[in-house]
Amino acid sequence: MSELTLPVDDKDHSEGPKTAPATLVEYGDFECPYCGQMYGVIKEVQKIMGDRLRFVFRHFPITQSHPHAGHAAEFAEAAGEIGQFWAAHDALYEHQWALEDANLVGYGADLGMTEQDVMQAFDGLYDARIQKDFIGGARSGVNGTPSLFINGTRYDGNRDVRSLRIALAQAAES
């Protein structure tokens, strides 16, 4: 079992109360098709668990096989600067087949960002943040995406709503 080496803190992108008895951390890549499948599962589990779940997303772009993942992560970080990280996160997964820079500019416009805001995100402004997530994931044993951790322990169980909900409910009770 791998453990999360970088503890969840206030700088993480999270949804749900800090005091939730279960915390789910995903190391994800916006262009990864398996992460795209996991997106729907996590959304459903969040609905079911409500305030008993805190969900944290950390970047783990595998740019060697997903050439748009780096810019997608940078776009999400830029959106986060205006309080729109989760809207960007959702848009990227819901339109995973369209992650060219022009697409990102369009998603940014929907969030109130200018083309210049989006294009500046690709100039390295968010590299340190993304690298911190990536390195923390690698140190925690992440070698692919999506990688999930429940209350700090890696979850390698089934990736369906029922199995994940059961694992999170058990973690919430311990």
C-alpha atoms as a PDB file:
ATOM      1  CA  MET A   1       0.000   0.000   0.000  1.00  0.00           C
ATOM      2  CA  SER A   2       1.298   3.430  -0.905  1.00  0.00           C
ATOM      3  CA  GLU A   3       0.743   6.385   1.342  1.00  0.00           C
ATOM      4  CA  LEU A   4       0.218   9.996   0.347  1.00  0.00           C
ATOM      5  CA  THR A   5       3.516  11.763   1.045  1.00  0.00           C
ATOM      6  CA  LEU A   6       2.221  15.285   0.425  1.00  0.00           C
ATOM      7  CA  PRO A   7      -0.569  15.930   2.949  1.00  0.00           C
ATOM      8  CA  VAL A   8      -3.710  17.732   1.832  1.00  0.00           C
ATOM      9  CA  ASP A   9      -3.557  21.422   2.711  1.00  0.00           C
ATOM     10  CA  ASP A  10      -5.320  24.701   2.024  1.00  0.00           C
ATOM     11  CA  LYS A  11      -3.417  25.188  -1.251  1.00  0.00           C
ATOM     12  CA  ASP A  12      -4.995  22.086  -2.768  1.00  0.00           C
ATOM     13  CA  HIS A  13      -7.989  22.325  -5.063  1.00  0.00           C
ATOM     14  CA  SER A  14     -10.753  20.751  -3.002  1.00  0.00           C
ATOM     15  CA  GLU A  15     -14.512  20.421  -2.885  1.00  0.00           C
ATOM     16  CA  GLY A  16     -16.358  19.493   0.264  1.00  0.00           C
ATOM     17  CA  PRO A  17     -15.754  20.395   3.885  1.00  0.00           C
ATOM     18  CA  LYS A  18     -12.267  20.208   5.366  1.00  0.00           C
ATOM     19  CA  THR A  19     -13.823  18.347   8.277  1.00  0.00           C
ATOM     20  CA  ALA A  20     -15.328  15.582   6.101  1.00  0.00           C
ATOM     21  CA  PRO A  21     -14.551  12.133   7.514  1.00  0.00           C
ATOM     22  CA  ALA A  22     -13.407  10.881   4.093  1.00  0.00           C
ATOM     23  CA  THR A  23     -10.947  12.609   1.775  1.00  0.00           C
ATOM     24  CA  LEU A  24     -10.466  11.372  -1.771  1.00  0.00           C
ATOM     25  CA  VAL A  25      -7.361  12.620  -3.589  1.00  0.00           C
ATOM     26  CA  GLU A  26      -7.095  12.076  -7.321  1.00  0.00           C
ATOM     27  CA  TYR A  27      -3.889  12.509  -9.266  1.00  0.00           C
ATOM     28  CA  GLY A  28      -5.260  13.148 -12.711  1.00  0.00           C
ATOM     29  CA  ASP A  29      -4.448  14.101 -16.288  1.00  0.00           C
ATOM     30  CA  PHE A  30      -7.098  16.024 -18.212  1.00  0.00           C
ATOM     31  CA  GLU A  31      -6.349  14.151 -21.446  1.00  0.00           C
ATOM     32  CA  CYS A  32      -6.265  10.648 -19.931  1.00  0.00           C
ATOM     33  CA  PRO A  33      -9.309   8.640 -21.087  1.00  0.00           C
ATOM     34  CA  TYR A  34      -9.326   6.648 -17.823  1.00  0.00           C
ATOM     35  CA  CYS A  35      -9.452   9.911 -15.871  1.00  0.00           C
ATOM     36  CA  GLY A  36     -12.347  10.935 -18.092  1.00  0.00           C
ATOM     37  CA  GLN A  37     -14.199   7.777 -17.063  1.00  0.00           C
ATOM     38  CA  MET A  38     -13.297   8.346 -13.406  1.00  0.00           C
ATOM     39  CA  TYR A  39     -14.666  11.904 -13.608  1.00  0.00           C
ATOM     40  CA  GLY A  40     -18.252  10.638 -13.868  1.00  0.00           C
ATOM     41  CA  VAL A  41     -17.726   8.094 -11.104  1.00  0.00           C
ATOM     42  CA  ILE A  42     -16.331  10.721  -8.724  1.00  0.00           C
ATOM     43  CA  LYS A  43     -19.141  13.171  -9.522  1.00  0.00           C
ATOM     44  CA  GLU A  44     -21.712  10.512  -8.663  1.00  0.00           C
ATOM     45  CA  VAL A  45     -19.922   9.524  -5.454  1.00  0.00           C
ATOM     46  CA  GLN A  46     -19.770  13.190  -4.441  1.00  0.00           C
ATOM     47  CA  LYS A  47     -23.559  13.454  -4.855  1.00  0.00           C
ATOM     48  CA  ILE A  48     -24.130  10.323  -2.792  1.00  0.00           C
ATOM     49  CA  MET A  49     -21.732  11.185   0.034  1.00  0.00           C
ATOM     50  CA  GLY A  50     -22.427  14.909   0.272  1.00  0.00           C
ATOM     51  CA  ASP A  51     -20.708  16.601   3.215  1.00  0.00           C
ATOM     52  CA  ARG A  52     -19.092  13.323   4.290  1.00  0.00           C
ATOM     53  CA  LEU A  53     -16.578  13.647   1.408  1.00  0.00           C
ATOM     54  CA  ARG A  54     -13.799  16.065   0.597  1.00  0.00           C
ATOM     55  CA  PHE A  55     -12.471  15.659  -2.941  1.00  0.00           C
ATOM     56  CA  VAL A  56      -8.998  16.922  -3.864  1.00  0.00           C
ATOM     57  CA  PHE A  57      -7.630  17.090  -7.397  1.00  0.00           C
ATOM     58  CA  ARG A  58      -3.899  17.156  -8.072  1.00  0.00           C
ATOM     59  CA  HIS A  59      -2.216  17.453 -11.445  1.00  0.00           C
ATOM     60  CA  PHE A  60      -0.289  14.538 -12.914  1.00  0.00           C
ATOM     61  CA  PRO A  61      -0.080  15.374 -16.632  1.00  0.00           C
ATOM     62  CA  ILE A  62       1.596  12.604 -18.599  1.00  0.00           C
ATOM     63  CA  THR A  63       2.653  14.797 -21.486  1.00  0.00           C
ATOM     64  CA  GLN A  64       4.652  12.089 -23.247  1.00  0.00           C
ATOM     65  CA  SER A  65       1.439  10.303 -24.181  1.00  0.00           C
ATOM     66  CA  HIS A  66      -1.041  13.167 -23.744  1.00  0.00           C
ATOM     67  CA  PRO A  67       0.361  16.220 -25.572  1.00  0.00           C
ATOM     68  CA  HIS A  68      -2.459  18.554 -24.485  1.00  0.00           C
ATOM     69  CA  ALA A  69      -2.396  17.615 -20.798  1.00  0.00           C
ATOM     70  CA  GLY A  70       0.201  20.228 -19.860  1.00  0.00           C
ATOM     71  CA  HIS A  71      -1.675  23.179 -21.324  1.00  0.00           C
ATOM     72  CA  ALA A  72      -4.942  21.834 -19.922  1.00  0.00           C
ATOM     73  CA  ALA A  73      -3.424  21.796 -16.416  1.00  0.00           C
ATOM     74  CA  GLU A  74      -2.048  25.318 -16.904  1.00  0.00           C
ATOM     75  CA  PHE A  75      -5.459  26.492 -18.107  1.00  0.00           C
ATOM     76  CA  ALA A  76      -7.126  24.992 -15.020  1.00  0.00           C
ATOM     77  CA  GLU A  77      -4.633  26.789 -12.783  1.00  0.00           C
ATOM     78  CA  ALA A  78      -5.252  30.098 -14.557  1.00  0.00           C
ATOM     79  CA  ALA A  79      -8.993  29.583 -14.101  1.00  0.00           C
ATOM     80  CA  GLY A  80      -8.305  28.890 -10.437  1.00  0.00           C
ATOM     81  CA  GLU A  81      -6.811  32.361 -10.114  1.00  0.00           C
ATOM     82  CA  ILE A  82     -10.279  33.785 -10.753  1.00  0.00           C
ATOM     83  CA  GLY A  83     -12.081  31.222  -8.597  1.00  0.00           C
ATOM     84  CA  GLN A  84     -13.067  29.018 -11.519  1.00  0.00           C
ATOM     85  CA  PHE A  85     -10.829  25.968 -11.071  1.00  0.00           C
ATOM     86  CA  TRP A  86     -13.713  23.517 -10.688  1.00  0.00           C
ATOM     87  CA  ALA A  87     -15.618  24.959 -13.634  1.00  0.00           C
ATOM     88  CA  ALA A  88     -12.467  24.534 -15.745  1.00  0.00           C
ATOM     89  CA  HIS A  89     -11.891  21.019 -14.355  1.00  0.00           C
ATOM     90  CA  ASP A  90     -15.406  20.006 -15.342  1.00  0.00           C
ATOM     91  CA  ALA A  91     -15.212  21.643 -18.788  1.00  0.00           C
ATOM     92  CA  LEU A  92     -11.917  19.885 -19.542  1.00  0.00           C
ATOM     93  CA  TYR A  93     -13.255  16.456 -18.646  1.00  0.00           C
ATOM     94  CA  GLU A  94     -16.607  17.045 -20.345  1.00  0.00           C
ATOM     95  CA  HIS A  95     -14.820  18.081 -23.569  1.00  0.00           C
ATOM     96  CA  GLN A  96     -11.799  15.820 -23.278  1.00  0.00           C
ATOM     97  CA  TRP A  97     -11.638  15.238 -27.026  1.00  0.00           C
ATOM     98  CA  ALA A  98     -11.136  18.984 -27.646  1.00  0.00           C
ATOM     99  CA  LEU A  99      -8.102  20.249 -25.725  1.00  0.00           C
ATOM    100  CA  GLU A 100      -6.267  22.266 -28.367  1.00  0.00           C
ATOM    101  CA  ASP A 101      -5.229  25.767 -27.318  1.00  0.00           C
ATOM    102  CA  ALA A 102      -8.098  27.277 -29.334  1.00  0.00           C
ATOM    103  CA  ASN A 103     -10.546  25.090 -27.395  1.00  0.00           C
ATOM    104  CA  LEU A 104      -9.037  26.215 -24.102  1.00  0.00           C
ATOM    105  CA  VAL A 105      -9.449  29.846 -25.153  1.00  0.00           C
ATOM    106  CA  GLY A 106     -13.133  29.119 -25.804  1.00  0.00           C
ATOM    107  CA  TYR A 107     -13.598  27.452 -22.414  1.00  0.00           C
ATOM    108  CA  GLY A 108     -11.809  30.385 -20.839  1.00  0.00           C
ATOM    109  CA  ALA A 109     -14.197  32.841 -22.500  1.00  0.00           C
ATOM    110  CA  ASP A 110     -17.086  30.908 -20.962  1.00  0.00           C
ATOM    111  CA  LEU A 111     -15.446  31.457 -17.561  1.00  0.00           C
ATOM    112  CA  GLY A 112     -14.800  35.168 -18.068  1.00  0.00           C
ATOM    113  CA  MET A 113     -11.163  34.892 -19.160  1.00  0.00           C
ATOM    114  CA  THR A 114      -9.673  36.737 -22.101  1.00  0.00           C
ATOM    115  CA  GLU A 115      -7.623  35.020 -24.789  1.00  0.00           C
ATOM    116  CA  GLN A 116      -4.581  36.774 -23.343  1.00  0.00           C
ATOM    117  CA  ASP A 117      -5.337  35.352 -19.855  1.00  0.00           C
ATOM    118  CA  VAL A 118      -5.410  31.834 -21.273  1.00  0.00           C
ATOM    119  CA  MET A 119      -2.344  32.195 -23.496  1.00  0.00           C
ATOM    120  CA  GLN A 120      -0.291  33.693 -20.641  1.00  0.00           C
ATOM    121  CA  ALA A 121      -1.019  30.569 -18.617  1.00  0.00           C
ATOM    122  CA  PHE A 122       1.181  28.655 -21.070  1.00  0.00           C
ATOM    123  CA  ASP A 123       4.238  30.816 -20.306  1.00  0.00           C
ATOM    124  CA  GLY A 124       5.320  28.824 -17.258  1.00  0.00           C
ATOM    125  CA  LEU A 125       3.457  30.844 -14.649  1.00  0.00           C
ATOM    126  CA  TYR A 126       1.932  27.702 -13.110  1.00  0.00           C
ATOM    127  CA  ASP A 127       4.759  25.229 -13.739  1.00  0.00           C
ATOM    128  CA  ALA A 128       5.899  25.198 -10.089  1.00  0.00           C
ATOM    129  CA  ARG A 129       2.392  24.397  -8.837  1.00  0.00           C
ATOM    130  CA  ILE A 130       1.872  21.618 -11.362  1.00  0.00           C
ATOM    131  CA  GLN A 131       5.357  20.196 -10.731  1.00  0.00           C
ATOM    132  CA  LYS A 132       4.726  20.184  -6.978  1.00  0.00           C
ATOM    133  CA  ASP A 133       1.625  18.046  -7.541  1.00  0.00           C
ATOM    134  CA  PHE A 134       3.462  15.783  -9.981  1.00  0.00           C
ATOM    135  CA  ILE A 135       6.490  15.252  -7.735  1.00  0.00           C
ATOM    136  CA  GLY A 136       4.261  14.656  -4.707  1.00  0.00           C
ATOM    137  CA  GLY A 137       2.399  12.043  -6.711  1.00  0.00           C
ATOM    138  CA  ALA A 138       5.576  10.328  -7.881  1.00  0.00           C
ATOM    139  CA  ARG A 139       6.849  10.205  -4.301  1.00  0.00           C
ATOM    140  CA  SER A 140       3.544   8.640  -3.277  1.00  0.00           C
ATOM    141  CA  GLY A 141       3.919   5.870  -5.835  1.00  0.00           C
ATOM    142  CA  VAL A 142       1.781   7.356  -8.609  1.00  0.00           C
ATOM    143  CA  ASN A 143       2.900   5.969 -11.945  1.00  0.00           C
ATOM    144  CA  GLY A 144      -0.279   6.428 -13.956  1.00  0.00           C
ATOM    145  CA  THR A 145      -3.614   8.154 -13.918  1.00  0.00           C
ATOM    146  CA  PRO A 146      -6.044   8.246 -12.363  1.00  0.00           C
ATOM    147  CA  SER A 147      -4.428   7.405  -9.035  1.00  0.00           C
ATOM    148  CA  LEU A 148      -6.674   7.639  -5.998  1.00  0.00           C
ATOM    149  CA  PHE A 149      -5.951   7.960  -2.296  1.00  0.00           C
ATOM    150  CA  ILE A 150      -8.558   7.619   0.440  1.00  0.00           C
ATOM    151  CA  ASN A 151      -7.627   9.280   3.724  1.00  0.00           C
ATOM    152  CA  GLY A 152      -3.993   9.151   2.675  1.00  0.00           C
ATOM    153  CA  THR A 153      -3.840   5.501   1.560  1.00  0.00           C
ATOM    154  CA  ARG A 154      -3.733   4.505  -2.091  1.00  0.00           C
ATOM    155  CA  TYR A 155      -6.941   2.947  -3.368  1.00  0.00           C
ATOM    156  CA  ASP A 156      -6.459   0.277  -6.031  1.00  0.00           C
ATOM    157  CA  GLY A 157      -9.938  -1.247  -5.851  1.00  0.00           C
ATOM    158  CA  ASN A 158     -12.623  -1.295  -8.513  1.00  0.00           C
ATOM    159  CA  ARG A 159     -13.321   2.033 -10.190  1.00  0.00           C
ATOM    160  CA  ASP A 160     -17.111   1.941 -10.205  1.00  0.00           C
ATOM    161  CA  VAL A 161     -19.493   4.074  -8.134  1.00  0.00           C
ATOM    162  CA  ARG A 162     -20.539   1.281  -5.793  1.00  0.00           C
ATOM    163  CA  SER A 163     -17.016   0.074  -4.959  1.00  0.00           C
ATOM    164  CA  LEU A 164     -15.612   3.548  -4.461  1.00  0.00           C
ATOM    165  CA  ARG A 165     -18.588   4.597  -2.330  1.00  0.00           C
ATOM    166  CA  ILE A 166     -18.169   1.548  -0.103  1.00  0.00           C
ATOM    167  CA  ALA A 167     -14.430   2.193   0.326  1.00  0.00           C
ATOM    168  CA  LEU A 168     -15.054   5.855   1.160  1.00  0.00           C
ATOM    169  CA  ALA A 169     -17.880   5.010   3.577  1.00  0.00           C
ATOM    170  CA  GLN A 170     -15.606   2.537   5.377  1.00  0.00           C
ATOM    171  CA  ALA A 171     -12.867   5.150   5.595  1.00  0.00           C
ATOM    172  CA  ALA A 172     -15.360   7.679   6.934  1.00  0.00           C
ATOM    173  CA  GLU A 173     -16.322   5.281   9.731  1.00  0.00           C
ATOM    174  CA  SER A 174     -12.775   4.479  10.847  1.00  0.00           C
END
